[in-house]
Amino acid sequence: AVGSDDVSIKITHCGVCYGDVVWNWNKHGDSMYPVVPGHEIAGIVKEVGSNVHHFKVGDHVGMGTYVNSCRDCEYCNDGLEVHCVKELVYTFNRVDVDGIITKEGYSSYIVVHER
């Protein structure tokens, strides 16, 4: 479901890199199956929440390795969520704030916070 600060994206393209292989083959012993990898994502905005101001339906967008963070630490407050030390959530193989394991780039859709 799309929350008031969320953007729903129909995934049209996704890159592949060695990180996808690492998690798919459980090379670090921390994979959460089923793994749906992909963290180099491009797509089209299909729906936006009522508080979203930077995106609109039909926009072409891209996103990288992270889908969520604490949004409250010094890094997040400075717009540097990739350096979050509290709750950094990868696009796949991590548990998001709603308790669901993220399954991303090779999925059909992704819902992310506007930030």
Protein backbone atom coordinates (compact mmCIF):
# COMPACT_ATOMS: atom_id res chain seq x y z
CA ALA A 1 0.00 0.00 0.00
CA VAL A 2 1.16 3.51 -0.73
CA GLY A 3 1.50 5.64 2.39
CA SER A 4 1.13 9.40 2.45
CA ASP A 5 4.90 9.90 1.94
CA ASP A 6 5.41 7.01 -0.49
CA VAL A 7 5.94 6.60 -4.22
CA SER A 8 4.88 3.44 -6.10
CA ILE A 9 7.16 2.63 -9.02
CA LYS A 10 6.58 0.15 -11.86
CA ILE A 11 10.01 -1.34 -12.44
CA THR A 12 10.97 -1.32 -16.12
CA HIS A 13 14.70 -2.04 -15.90
CA CYS A 14 17.17 -3.41 -13.39
CA GLY A 15 20.92 -3.88 -13.58
CA VAL A 16 22.84 -6.85 -12.29
CA CYS A 17 26.14 -6.86 -10.45
CA TYR A 18 28.23 -9.15 -8.30
CA GLY A 19 26.30 -8.11 -5.18
CA ASP A 20 23.26 -9.86 -6.62
CA VAL A 21 25.29 -13.05 -6.99
CA VAL A 22 26.64 -12.76 -3.43
CA TRP A 23 23.17 -12.69 -1.87
CA ASN A 24 21.61 -15.15 -4.29
CA TRP A 25 24.29 -17.74 -3.51
CA ASN A 26 24.37 -16.84 0.20
CA LYS A 27 28.12 -16.17 0.13
CA HIS A 28 27.99 -14.24 3.45
CA GLY A 29 25.61 -16.67 5.14
CA ASP A 30 22.96 -14.01 5.77
CA SER A 31 20.59 -14.37 2.80
CA MET A 32 16.86 -14.37 3.59
CA TYR A 33 15.07 -16.59 1.11
CA PRO A 34 13.38 -16.22 -1.20
CA VAL A 35 15.92 -13.67 -2.44
CA VAL A 36 14.64 -11.29 -5.10
CA PRO A 37 17.77 -9.26 -5.89
CA GLY A 38 18.35 -6.11 -7.87
CA HIS A 39 19.47 -2.74 -6.57
CA GLU A 40 20.04 -0.71 -9.72
CA ILE A 41 16.43 0.10 -10.50
CA ALA A 42 14.68 2.27 -13.10
CA GLY A 43 10.98 2.66 -13.59
CA ILE A 44 7.92 4.86 -13.93
CA VAL A 45 5.96 6.42 -11.07
CA LYS A 46 2.47 4.90 -10.95
CA GLU A 47 1.10 6.37 -7.71
CA VAL A 48 2.12 8.97 -5.14
CA GLY A 49 1.00 9.59 -1.58
CA SER A 50 -0.82 12.74 -0.53
CA ASN A 51 2.32 14.31 1.01
CA VAL A 52 4.63 13.63 -1.95
CA HIS A 53 5.88 16.82 -3.62
CA HIS A 54 8.96 15.85 -5.64
CA PHE A 55 7.42 13.21 -7.93
CA LYS A 56 4.29 12.83 -10.03
CA VAL A 57 2.60 9.97 -11.85
CA GLY A 58 4.42 9.28 -15.12
CA ASP A 59 7.86 10.47 -13.97
CA HIS A 60 10.80 8.29 -15.01
CA VAL A 61 12.88 7.55 -11.91
CA GLY A 62 15.88 5.57 -10.75
CA MET A 63 16.97 4.32 -7.37
CA GLY A 64 19.98 2.62 -5.92
CA THR A 65 20.91 0.27 -3.14
CA TYR A 66 18.85 1.64 -0.25
CA VAL A 67 15.09 1.98 0.23
CA ASN A 68 14.81 3.20 3.79
CA SER A 69 16.63 4.67 6.76
CA CYS A 70 15.86 6.01 10.23
CA ARG A 71 15.21 9.48 8.74
CA ASP A 72 16.18 10.96 12.09
CA CYS A 73 19.97 10.73 12.62
CA GLU A 74 22.44 13.48 11.70
CA TYR A 75 23.14 11.86 8.32
CA CYS A 76 19.49 11.42 7.38
CA ASN A 77 18.72 14.99 8.45
CA ASP A 78 21.48 16.20 6.11
CA GLY A 79 20.07 14.18 3.17
CA LEU A 80 22.83 11.58 3.42
CA GLU A 81 20.66 8.55 4.16
CA VAL A 82 23.25 6.19 2.64
CA HIS A 83 25.40 6.87 5.71
CA CYS A 84 22.62 6.15 8.25
CA VAL A 85 24.03 4.16 11.16
CA LYS A 86 20.70 3.27 12.78
CA GLU A 87 18.29 1.62 10.33
CA LEU A 88 19.71 1.52 6.80
CA VAL A 89 17.59 -0.84 4.67
CA TYR A 90 18.89 -2.29 1.39
CA THR A 91 16.59 -2.76 -1.59
CA PHE A 92 16.66 -6.51 -1.02
CA ASN A 93 17.52 -9.12 1.60
CA ARG A 94 16.80 -6.85 4.58
CA VAL A 95 13.82 -6.36 6.89
CA ASP A 96 12.05 -3.03 6.32
CA VAL A 97 10.24 -1.01 8.99
CA ASP A 98 6.98 -2.87 8.27
CA GLY A 99 8.65 -6.21 9.12
CA ILE A 100 8.66 -7.49 5.53
CA ILE A 101 11.83 -8.72 3.82
CA THR A 102 12.63 -6.40 0.93
CA LYS A 103 12.42 -7.98 -2.53
CA GLU A 104 13.18 -5.43 -5.12
CA GLY A 105 14.76 -4.86 -8.50
CA TYR A 106 13.59 -8.00 -10.27
CA SER A 107 10.09 -7.48 -8.90
CA SER A 108 7.36 -5.75 -10.89
CA TYR A 109 6.76 -2.85 -8.49
CA ILE A 110 8.43 -1.16 -5.54
CA VAL A 111 7.01 1.27 -2.98
CA VAL A 112 9.51 3.65 -1.40
CA HIS A 113 9.51 6.78 0.74
CA GLU A 114 9.77 9.98 -1.30
CA ARG A 115 13.21 10.79 0.18
